[in-house]
Amino acid sequence: MMDNMALFNFVKNKKLSKRVANIEDGNADIYGTCWNKGSSPTLIRTDKNIGQTVNAGIDATPAFNGLDLSSIFKDVEEVTDSYGNVFSRFPKTYINKDVNSGFIARRVSRGKSGSGWYLPWCFWDFVNNKELDYIDIGKYNGSLSDDGTRLESKTGKFPLFNKNIIEFRNLAKANGAGYQQLDLHVVDLLQTMFVIENATLNSQAVVAGFTSGQNNAAHTATVAETNTNRIVLATANADSYVVGQTIGIGTTLNGNQICYNRVVTAIAAYDGSNKAIAFDGAPVNIAIGNICYNMAYKTGACDSVVSSIGSPVSNTSGKYPFVWHGIENLFGNMWQFVDGINITDLQAWVCKNADNYASNLFTAPYEKLGYVDASADGSVTELGYDVNLPFVNLPKTTTGGSSSTYYCDNYWQNTGQRVARLGGTWLNGSSAGVFCWLLYSSSADATLYGGARLVKKPL
């Protein structure tokens, strides 16, 4: 295994460039990173990425990101469809992954820059057999349309939960041709661009996201009140919440029997040992012992953030969502289903065409990956790579890692037929991130923590 200095010299001397062509094909700028597969998640910037500086901002205070005006990010823009759904439009981008015994190099470019490069299938029209100029990725966690028939991407809505992957798939497709939920090809694009931009495998070293929310049966009401818009908790428990978060209140943890999807409007002292958490919506009756807990943030929490990467209030506390190039909650807040991946007893099968997505299918048009997923839960230290299907890299090894080494994110698995979720929730803390995979749930599973994201191909 190379140390960082040897790896730097390897890249500097352009030995790496012999493995992939430069820019002669498309005459497009290339941005890349290289990793020596060591425990440090910090990567070396390569190509046009050398010397770049990236920072995350807070609210209306801008932060400098040297890649905002680069060829790979300058044309990313916000667009709205005829339904009012808001998307972040990513132009067609090619990817190269050079996986060697001593290093992993990732590169992106707006043009195809030689052999070994591929265009993610989200940029392909399978009916007309042609490339697409862009992909529209939902700005917000998916919510339900007012008529209850479609998955949306709109501000000021509570994310939809308690639906399984099949239900989310159908709700996304109900918008019309080209609409789908987040899939493995969009994830490939986002993971690769995030890593290259920030030159780290540690997502939360860039921004924490909403990953340190509360889910504790000990957070119980200490005062009974009727017709109220507050719950009184012990001060130490109340201090775990912040204004703007969403809460639910139940007679059981996550039960929602009293109320749910309520936004915290204030937290104030009640007496010497308790604080009152005020919330919006219709008044409710609170009994001593009722349990308070977090839920996913209402969409639009990052609408005030002006930087391409950043959060409201804090980037490090784990109590706030974040935005990345127009996409709110790239990770954290809630699990996001990733379509196009079916798993049976740790063997993943993947599909290229979103029109053919179907759960629990382990034959054509699904293709079997050339490796088996890790058989133990844990922190990811190695991702699988199939040279014939390079667009999906699932956890292969989970020994020897931590929240600050290797990929810095956790992985959970189960035998049997499983589907994929990504990113982690408000409960996963330092385990969440762009490489945090939950390959545990069946296609029938629907939970409080699980949601989806709307995507649109320009078909």
Protein backbone atom coordinates (compact mmCIF):
# COMPACT_ATOMS: atom_id res chain seq x y z
CA MET A 1 0.00 0.00 0.00
CA MET A 2 1.37 3.41 -0.97
CA ASP A 3 1.81 6.16 1.61
CA ASN A 4 0.42 9.61 0.77
CA MET A 5 3.76 11.06 -0.40
CA ALA A 6 4.39 8.13 -2.73
CA LEU A 7 0.87 8.44 -4.03
CA PHE A 8 1.28 12.17 -4.59
CA ASN A 9 4.46 11.58 -6.59
CA PHE A 10 2.74 8.83 -8.52
CA VAL A 11 0.02 11.25 -9.58
CA LYS A 12 2.41 14.17 -10.11
CA ASN A 13 4.58 12.14 -12.46
CA LYS A 14 1.45 11.33 -14.49
CA LYS A 15 1.92 7.60 -14.26
CA LEU A 16 -1.77 7.51 -13.51
CA SER A 17 -2.57 9.23 -16.80
CA LYS A 18 -1.25 6.23 -18.69
CA ARG A 19 -4.21 4.24 -17.40
CA VAL A 20 -6.80 6.63 -18.84
CA ALA A 21 -6.73 9.04 -21.74
CA ASN A 22 -6.51 12.75 -21.03
CA ILE A 23 -8.92 15.21 -22.65
CA GLU A 24 -8.23 14.67 -26.32
CA ASP A 25 -11.60 12.98 -26.93
CA GLY A 26 -13.92 15.69 -25.65
CA ASN A 27 -11.40 18.45 -24.92
CA ALA A 28 -13.14 18.83 -21.55
CA ASP A 29 -11.68 19.62 -18.15
CA ILE A 30 -11.13 16.67 -15.84
CA TYR A 31 -11.50 16.83 -12.07
CA GLY A 32 -10.32 13.96 -9.93
CA THR A 33 -9.14 12.50 -6.66
CA CYS A 34 -6.88 9.61 -5.76
CA TRP A 35 -6.84 7.47 -2.60
CA ASN A 36 -4.19 5.04 -1.40
CA LYS A 37 -6.77 2.78 0.28
CA GLY A 38 -5.28 3.64 3.66
CA SER A 39 -7.25 4.36 6.81
CA SER A 40 -7.17 8.13 6.24
CA PRO A 41 -10.27 9.27 4.33
CA THR A 42 -8.45 12.32 2.97
CA LEU A 43 -7.87 12.17 -0.80
CA ILE A 44 -5.34 13.77 -3.11
CA ARG A 45 -6.81 16.18 -5.64
CA THR A 46 -5.77 15.48 -9.24
CA ASP A 47 -6.10 17.05 -12.68
CA LYS A 48 -7.97 20.41 -12.61
CA ASN A 49 -8.92 19.66 -9.01
CA ILE A 50 -5.39 20.34 -7.74
CA GLY A 51 -5.28 23.34 -5.43
CA GLN A 52 -9.05 23.74 -5.13
CA THR A 53 -10.56 24.99 -1.87
CA VAL A 54 -14.07 24.12 -0.72
CA ASN A 55 -15.95 25.52 2.29
CA ALA A 56 -19.44 25.14 3.71
CA GLY A 57 -21.51 28.19 4.62
CA ILE A 58 -24.17 28.95 7.21
CA ASP A 59 -27.51 30.60 6.40
CA ALA A 60 -27.04 33.85 4.46
CA THR A 61 -23.29 34.00 5.11
CA PRO A 62 -21.57 32.84 1.91
CA ALA A 63 -18.58 30.51 1.89
CA PHE A 64 -15.99 30.20 -0.85
CA ASN A 65 -16.12 27.08 -3.00
CA GLY A 66 -13.52 27.10 -5.75
CA LEU A 67 -15.45 24.50 -7.73
CA ASP A 68 -18.67 26.52 -7.99
CA LEU A 69 -17.43 27.99 -11.28
CA SER A 70 -15.78 24.79 -12.52
CA SER A 71 -17.07 23.06 -15.62
CA ILE A 72 -18.58 20.26 -13.53
CA PHE A 73 -20.64 22.50 -11.22
CA LYS A 74 -21.13 25.91 -12.84
CA ASP A 75 -24.11 24.77 -14.93
CA VAL A 76 -25.96 23.04 -12.10
CA GLU A 77 -29.19 25.01 -11.76
CA GLU A 78 -32.56 24.97 -10.04
CA VAL A 79 -35.58 24.22 -12.22
CA THR A 80 -39.31 23.76 -11.61
CA ASP A 81 -41.66 21.49 -13.54
CA SER A 82 -45.31 22.05 -14.45
CA TYR A 83 -46.45 20.55 -11.12
CA GLY A 84 -44.30 22.98 -9.14
CA ASN A 85 -41.74 20.30 -8.25
CA VAL A 86 -38.29 21.80 -7.68
CA PHE A 87 -35.19 20.03 -8.96
CA SER A 88 -31.47 20.52 -9.11
CA ARG A 89 -30.48 20.02 -12.75
CA PHE A 90 -27.13 18.31 -13.25
CA PRO A 91 -25.69 18.44 -16.78
CA LYS A 92 -24.44 15.31 -18.50
CA THR A 93 -21.25 14.17 -16.79
CA TYR A 94 -18.90 11.28 -17.54
CA ILE A 95 -17.17 9.20 -14.86
CA ASN A 96 -13.93 7.23 -14.73
CA LYS A 97 -13.01 4.91 -11.86
CA ASP A 98 -9.51 3.48 -11.90
CA VAL A 99 -9.39 0.74 -9.27
CA ASN A 100 -5.94 -0.71 -8.67
CA SER A 101 -4.41 -2.84 -5.93
CA GLY A 102 -2.67 0.25 -4.56
CA PHE A 103 -5.10 3.10 -5.21
CA ILE A 104 -8.54 4.19 -6.35
CA ALA A 105 -8.80 7.17 -8.68
CA ARG A 106 -12.11 8.86 -9.42
CA ARG A 107 -12.51 11.38 -12.22
CA VAL A 108 -15.39 13.32 -13.75
CA SER A 109 -15.67 15.42 -16.87
CA ARG A 110 -18.36 17.05 -18.96
CA GLY A 111 -16.92 15.25 -21.99
CA LYS A 112 -15.95 11.63 -22.57
CA SER A 113 -12.21 11.70 -22.11
CA GLY A 114 -11.09 8.36 -23.45
CA SER A 115 -11.47 4.64 -22.86
CA GLY A 116 -12.45 3.57 -19.38
CA TRP A 117 -14.94 6.40 -19.05
CA TYR A 118 -18.69 5.81 -18.88
CA LEU A 119 -21.85 7.86 -18.93
CA PRO A 120 -24.18 7.10 -16.00
CA TRP A 121 -27.37 5.47 -17.25
CA CYS A 122 -29.46 8.29 -15.80
CA PHE A 123 -28.23 10.27 -18.84
CA TRP A 124 -29.54 7.73 -21.36
CA ASP A 125 -32.83 7.53 -23.29
CA PHE A 126 -33.37 3.80 -23.81
CA VAL A 127 -36.34 4.24 -26.17
CA ASN A 128 -34.60 6.57 -28.60
CA ASN A 129 -31.12 5.20 -27.95
CA LYS A 130 -29.48 8.55 -27.26
CA GLU A 131 -27.69 10.53 -24.59
CA LEU A 132 -29.59 13.01 -22.43
CA ASP A 133 -28.22 16.47 -21.73
CA TYR A 134 -29.13 16.52 -18.04
CA ILE A 135 -30.88 14.82 -15.15
CA ASP A 136 -33.26 16.57 -12.74
CA ILE A 137 -32.80 15.48 -9.12
CA GLY A 138 -35.41 16.42 -6.52
CA LYS A 139 -34.27 19.32 -4.37
CA TYR A 140 -36.26 18.07 -1.40
CA ASN A 141 -37.12 14.82 0.34
CA GLY A 142 -40.21 13.48 -1.38
CA SER A 143 -43.63 14.54 -0.08
CA LEU A 144 -47.14 13.52 -1.11
CA SER A 145 -49.20 15.67 -3.48
CA ASP A 146 -52.35 17.25 -2.06
CA ASP A 147 -54.52 14.79 -3.97
CA GLY A 148 -52.52 11.87 -2.62
CA THR A 149 -51.53 10.51 -6.03
CA ARG A 150 -47.96 11.67 -6.72
CA LEU A 151 -44.52 11.97 -5.12
CA GLU A 152 -43.43 15.61 -4.97
CA SER A 153 -40.34 17.74 -4.47
CA LYS A 154 -41.63 20.93 -2.89
CA THR A 155 -40.68 23.29 -0.09
CA GLY A 156 -42.74 23.61 3.07
CA LYS A 157 -43.99 19.99 3.03
CA PHE A 158 -43.46 17.14 5.46
CA PRO A 159 -41.54 14.25 3.88
CA LEU A 160 -43.64 11.20 3.10
CA PHE A 161 -42.90 8.11 5.21
CA ASN A 162 -44.41 4.70 5.98
CA LYS A 163 -44.42 3.69 2.31
CA ASN A 164 -42.42 0.81 0.87
CA ILE A 165 -40.13 1.01 -2.15
CA ILE A 166 -42.85 -0.24 -4.52
CA GLU A 167 -45.35 2.36 -3.33
CA PHE A 168 -42.76 5.13 -3.67
CA ARG A 169 -41.83 3.88 -7.15
CA ASN A 170 -45.46 4.05 -8.28
CA LEU A 171 -46.03 7.48 -6.73
CA ALA A 172 -42.97 8.83 -8.54
CA LYS A 173 -44.01 7.33 -11.89
CA ALA A 174 -47.51 8.80 -11.48
CA ASN A 175 -46.05 12.21 -12.42
CA GLY A 176 -45.60 11.04 -16.02
CA ALA A 177 -42.96 9.92 -18.50
CA GLY A 178 -39.39 10.16 -17.22
CA TYR A 179 -40.30 10.47 -13.55
CA GLN A 180 -38.87 7.95 -11.08
CA GLN A 181 -37.47 7.78 -7.58
CA LEU A 182 -33.78 8.07 -6.73
CA ASP A 183 -31.82 5.20 -8.23
CA LEU A 184 -28.34 3.68 -8.28
CA HIS A 185 -27.23 5.68 -11.34
CA VAL A 186 -28.09 9.05 -9.81
CA VAL A 187 -26.43 7.92 -6.58
CA ASP A 188 -23.30 7.01 -8.54
CA LEU A 189 -23.19 10.52 -9.99
CA LEU A 190 -23.80 12.22 -6.63
CA GLN A 191 -21.37 10.12 -4.62
CA THR A 192 -18.61 10.59 -7.19
CA MET A 193 -19.07 14.34 -7.50
CA PHE A 194 -19.32 14.84 -3.74
CA VAL A 195 -16.09 12.93 -3.13
CA ILE A 196 -14.19 14.69 -5.89
CA GLU A 197 -15.37 18.13 -4.83
CA ASN A 198 -14.52 17.68 -1.16
CA ALA A 199 -11.51 15.36 -1.54
CA THR A 200 -12.62 13.19 1.35
CA LEU A 201 -14.54 9.97 1.98
CA ASN A 202 -15.73 11.42 5.30
CA SER A 203 -19.01 13.11 4.37
CA GLN A 204 -19.60 14.50 7.83
CA ALA A 205 -16.21 16.17 7.89
CA VAL A 206 -17.77 18.48 5.30
CA VAL A 207 -21.16 18.94 6.95
CA ALA A 208 -22.92 16.89 9.64
CA GLY A 209 -26.49 17.03 8.35
CA PHE A 210 -29.47 16.22 10.56
CA THR A 211 -28.01 13.07 12.07
CA SER A 212 -28.13 13.68 15.83
CA GLY A 213 -31.86 13.89 16.50
CA GLN A 214 -33.70 12.43 19.47
CA ASN A 215 -35.39 9.04 19.81
CA ASN A 216 -35.41 8.28 23.50
CA ALA A 217 -38.25 6.75 25.50
CA ALA A 218 -36.99 8.69 28.54
CA HIS A 219 -38.03 12.03 26.97
CA THR A 220 -41.37 12.02 28.76
CA ALA A 221 -43.78 14.79 29.68
CA THR A 222 -43.44 15.90 33.29
CA VAL A 223 -46.61 18.01 33.34
CA ALA A 224 -50.16 17.15 32.21
CA GLU A 225 -51.95 19.84 30.17
CA THR A 226 -55.11 19.96 28.07
CA ASN A 227 -55.73 21.87 24.86
CA THR A 228 -52.09 22.86 24.62
CA ASN A 229 -49.38 23.46 22.04
CA ARG A 230 -46.46 22.51 24.19
CA ILE A 231 -44.92 19.56 25.99
CA VAL A 232 -42.95 20.06 29.21
CA LEU A 233 -39.81 17.93 29.55
CA ALA A 234 -36.96 17.78 32.04
CA THR A 235 -34.53 20.55 31.12
CA ALA A 236 -31.75 18.19 30.07
CA ASN A 237 -34.12 16.41 27.69
CA ALA A 238 -35.66 19.59 26.27
CA ASP A 239 -32.19 20.99 25.59
CA SER A 240 -31.62 18.13 23.13
CA TYR A 241 -34.06 19.78 20.68
CA VAL A 242 -33.80 23.01 18.68
CA VAL A 243 -36.31 25.41 17.18
CA GLY A 244 -37.30 24.40 13.64
CA GLN A 245 -37.06 20.66 14.18
CA THR A 246 -40.05 18.38 13.72
CA ILE A 247 -41.37 16.32 16.61
CA GLY A 248 -43.94 13.64 17.28
CA ILE A 249 -45.58 12.79 20.58
CA GLY A 250 -46.89 9.34 21.48
CA THR A 251 -47.94 7.10 24.29
CA THR A 252 -45.19 4.83 22.91
CA LEU A 253 -41.88 5.74 21.31
CA ASN A 254 -42.54 6.70 17.64
CA GLY A 255 -46.20 5.84 18.11
CA ASN A 256 -47.55 9.25 17.00
CA GLN A 257 -50.72 8.64 19.05
CA ILE A 258 -50.90 12.23 20.34
CA CYS A 259 -49.59 14.14 17.32
CA TYR A 260 -46.88 14.09 14.67
CA ASN A 261 -45.21 16.36 12.11
CA ARG A 262 -45.23 19.32 14.49
CA VAL A 263 -42.58 22.02 14.07
CA VAL A 264 -40.87 23.31 17.23
CA THR A 265 -41.53 27.06 17.48
CA ALA A 266 -39.90 27.85 20.85
CA ILE A 267 -38.13 26.24 23.81
CA ALA A 268 -38.40 28.13 27.10
CA ALA A 269 -37.99 27.60 30.83
CA TYR A 270 -41.08 26.25 32.61
CA ASP A 271 -39.67 26.08 36.13
CA GLY A 272 -36.35 25.38 37.77
CA SER A 273 -36.03 21.84 36.41
CA ASN A 274 -38.20 21.74 33.28
CA LYS A 275 -38.56 23.43 29.90
CA ALA A 276 -41.56 23.69 27.59
CA ILE A 277 -41.23 22.81 23.92
CA ALA A 278 -43.83 24.77 21.94
CA PHE A 279 -45.06 23.44 18.60
CA ASP A 280 -47.40 24.44 15.80
CA GLY A 281 -50.70 22.90 14.72
CA ALA A 282 -53.92 22.11 16.52
CA PRO A 283 -53.85 21.93 20.34
CA VAL A 284 -53.57 18.49 21.95
CA ASN A 285 -53.89 16.92 25.38
CA ILE A 286 -50.63 15.91 27.05
CA ALA A 287 -50.46 13.34 29.84
CA ILE A 288 -47.53 12.75 32.16
CA GLY A 289 -45.40 10.06 30.58
CA ASN A 290 -46.20 10.92 26.94
CA ILE A 291 -43.02 10.59 24.88
CA CYS A 292 -41.48 13.30 22.68
CA TYR A 293 -39.15 12.41 19.80
CA ASN A 294 -37.79 13.87 16.58
CA MET A 295 -39.07 13.24 13.07
CA ALA A 296 -37.71 14.30 9.68
CA TYR A 297 -37.43 18.04 9.07
CA LYS A 298 -40.05 19.82 7.02
CA THR A 299 -38.68 20.52 3.54
CA GLY A 300 -37.21 23.94 2.83
CA ALA A 301 -35.21 24.21 6.05
CA CYS A 302 -32.18 25.12 3.94
CA ASP A 303 -33.91 27.64 1.67
CA SER A 304 -32.06 30.41 3.54
CA VAL A 305 -28.63 28.95 2.82
CA VAL A 306 -26.85 30.89 0.07
CA SER A 307 -23.70 28.78 -0.31
CA SER A 308 -23.53 25.77 -2.59
CA ILE A 309 -22.83 23.69 0.54
CA GLY A 310 -24.15 24.63 3.95
CA SER A 311 -26.69 24.50 6.73
CA PRO A 312 -28.88 26.81 8.77
CA VAL A 313 -27.31 27.72 12.15
CA SER A 314 -24.60 25.01 12.31
CA ASN A 315 -22.70 22.66 10.00
CA THR A 316 -21.33 20.55 12.84
CA SER A 317 -23.98 20.03 15.55
CA GLY A 318 -25.89 17.30 13.72
CA LYS A 319 -29.16 19.08 14.56
CA TYR A 320 -29.80 20.78 11.20
CA PRO A 321 -30.26 19.71 7.56
CA PHE A 322 -27.84 20.83 4.87
CA VAL A 323 -27.91 21.62 1.18
CA TRP A 324 -25.42 20.48 -1.44
CA HIS A 325 -25.66 22.13 -4.88
CA GLY A 326 -29.39 22.56 -4.53
CA ILE A 327 -30.12 19.15 -2.99
CA GLU A 328 -31.41 19.26 0.57
CA ASN A 329 -30.43 16.32 2.79
CA LEU A 330 -28.17 14.45 0.42
CA PHE A 331 -27.69 12.27 3.50
CA GLY A 332 -29.21 12.31 6.97
CA ASN A 333 -32.75 13.38 7.93
CA MET A 334 -34.24 10.11 6.65
CA TRP A 335 -33.28 7.01 4.70
CA GLN A 336 -33.79 7.30 0.95
CA PHE A 337 -34.76 4.31 -1.15
CA VAL A 338 -32.35 3.60 -4.01
CA ASP A 339 -34.13 1.88 -6.89
CA GLY A 340 -32.54 -0.47 -9.42
CA ILE A 341 -30.82 -2.69 -6.81
CA ASN A 342 -32.20 -6.05 -5.67
CA ILE A 343 -30.30 -8.25 -3.22
CA THR A 344 -30.71 -11.90 -2.36
CA ASP A 345 -28.54 -13.41 0.38
CA LEU A 346 -25.98 -10.58 0.00
CA GLN A 347 -25.71 -10.96 -3.78
CA ALA A 348 -26.78 -7.74 -5.51
CA TRP A 349 -28.42 -7.57 -8.92
CA VAL A 350 -28.66 -4.22 -10.73
CA CYS A 351 -30.67 -2.76 -13.59
CA LYS A 352 -29.71 -0.08 -16.11
CA ASN A 353 -33.10 1.09 -17.37
CA ALA A 354 -35.43 2.76 -14.86
CA ASP A 355 -38.44 1.69 -16.93
CA ASN A 356 -37.66 -1.91 -15.95
CA TYR A 357 -37.28 -1.48 -12.20
CA ALA A 358 -39.09 -4.17 -10.23
CA SER A 359 -38.42 -5.44 -6.73
CA ASN A 360 -37.41 -9.05 -5.95
CA LEU A 361 -36.34 -9.75 -9.53
CA PHE A 362 -33.11 -11.70 -9.96
CA THR A 363 -32.98 -12.30 -13.68
CA ALA A 364 -32.78 -10.17 -16.84
CA PRO A 365 -32.96 -7.22 -17.24
CA TYR A 366 -31.23 -7.26 -13.84
CA GLU A 367 -27.54 -8.23 -13.90
CA LYS A 368 -25.58 -9.93 -11.12
CA LEU A 369 -22.66 -8.00 -9.66
CA GLY A 370 -19.30 -9.74 -9.72
CA TYR A 371 -18.85 -9.55 -5.95
CA VAL A 372 -20.88 -10.31 -2.82
CA ASP A 373 -21.80 -7.68 -0.23
CA ALA A 374 -20.22 -7.73 3.22
CA SER A 375 -21.76 -10.33 5.51
CA ALA A 376 -21.32 -8.33 8.72
CA ASP A 377 -22.65 -4.95 9.83
CA GLY A 378 -20.05 -2.32 10.54
CA SER A 379 -18.07 0.65 9.31
CA VAL A 380 -17.24 0.41 5.61
CA THR A 381 -13.57 -0.11 4.76
CA GLU A 382 -13.87 -1.39 1.19
CA LEU A 383 -16.41 -1.02 -1.61
CA GLY A 384 -16.93 -3.67 -4.25
CA TYR A 385 -16.07 -2.98 -7.88
CA ASP A 386 -17.21 -4.81 -11.01
CA VAL A 387 -15.39 -3.55 -14.10
CA ASN A 388 -18.38 -4.52 -16.25
CA LEU A 389 -20.86 -2.77 -13.95
CA PRO A 390 -18.77 0.06 -12.48
CA PHE A 391 -21.71 2.30 -11.60
CA VAL A 392 -22.57 0.67 -8.27
CA ASN A 393 -20.10 0.14 -5.44
CA LEU A 394 -21.67 -1.56 -2.44
CA PRO A 395 -19.90 -2.34 0.86
CA LYS A 396 -17.64 -5.36 0.55
CA THR A 397 -15.61 -5.20 3.77
CA THR A 398 -16.61 -3.84 7.18
CA THR A 399 -13.70 -4.76 9.45
CA GLY A 400 -11.18 -2.38 10.99
CA GLY A 401 -12.99 0.86 10.24
CA SER A 402 -14.58 3.64 12.26
CA SER A 403 -16.55 6.87 11.86
CA SER A 404 -13.30 8.71 11.08
CA THR A 405 -11.38 6.16 8.99
CA TYR A 406 -11.77 4.67 5.51
CA TYR A 407 -15.32 5.45 4.25
CA CYS A 408 -16.41 6.63 7.72
CA ASP A 409 -20.00 5.38 7.22
CA ASN A 410 -21.90 2.34 8.46
CA TYR A 411 -23.54 -0.54 6.65
CA TRP A 412 -26.32 -2.88 7.71
CA GLN A 413 -27.28 -6.12 5.97
CA ASN A 414 -29.60 -9.08 6.18
CA THR A 415 -30.02 -12.37 4.36
CA GLY A 416 -33.01 -13.04 2.12
CA GLN A 417 -34.42 -10.71 -0.50
CA ARG A 418 -33.55 -7.09 0.27
CA VAL A 419 -33.74 -3.58 -1.19
CA ALA A 420 -31.41 -0.62 -0.80
CA ARG A 421 -31.61 2.55 1.28
CA LEU A 422 -28.92 5.19 1.56
CA GLY A 423 -27.69 8.07 3.68
CA GLY A 424 -28.86 7.45 7.23
CA THR A 425 -31.46 9.25 9.32
CA TRP A 426 -31.68 11.80 12.10
CA LEU A 427 -30.72 8.97 14.47
CA ASN A 428 -27.54 7.59 12.92
CA GLY A 429 -25.04 10.14 14.18
CA SER A 430 -21.52 9.69 12.87
CA SER A 431 -22.57 6.50 11.03
CA ALA A 432 -24.49 8.49 8.38
CA GLY A 433 -23.10 9.82 5.10
CA VAL A 434 -22.99 9.38 1.35
CA PHE A 435 -21.66 5.81 1.74
CA CYS A 436 -24.05 4.77 4.51
CA TRP A 437 -26.03 1.83 3.11
CA LEU A 438 -28.97 0.00 4.65
CA LEU A 439 -29.27 -3.26 2.70
CA TYR A 440 -31.49 -4.77 5.35
CA SER A 441 -35.13 -4.08 4.46
CA SER A 442 -37.50 -6.15 2.36
CA SER A 443 -39.54 -4.60 -0.45
CA ALA A 444 -42.56 -4.61 1.87
CA ASP A 445 -40.90 -2.64 4.67
CA ALA A 446 -42.27 0.83 5.39
CA THR A 447 -41.04 2.85 8.37
CA LEU A 448 -41.13 6.21 10.11
CA TYR A 449 -37.51 6.75 9.07
CA GLY A 450 -37.77 5.85 5.38
CA GLY A 451 -38.50 8.20 2.49
CA ALA A 452 -37.76 8.80 -1.17
CA ARG A 453 -36.57 11.45 -3.61
CA LEU A 454 -38.16 12.36 -6.93
CA VAL A 455 -36.05 12.27 -10.11
CA LYS A 456 -36.94 13.23 -13.67
CA LYS A 457 -35.24 12.21 -16.90
CA PRO A 458 -35.97 14.52 -19.86
CA LEU A 459 -37.77 11.94 -22.00
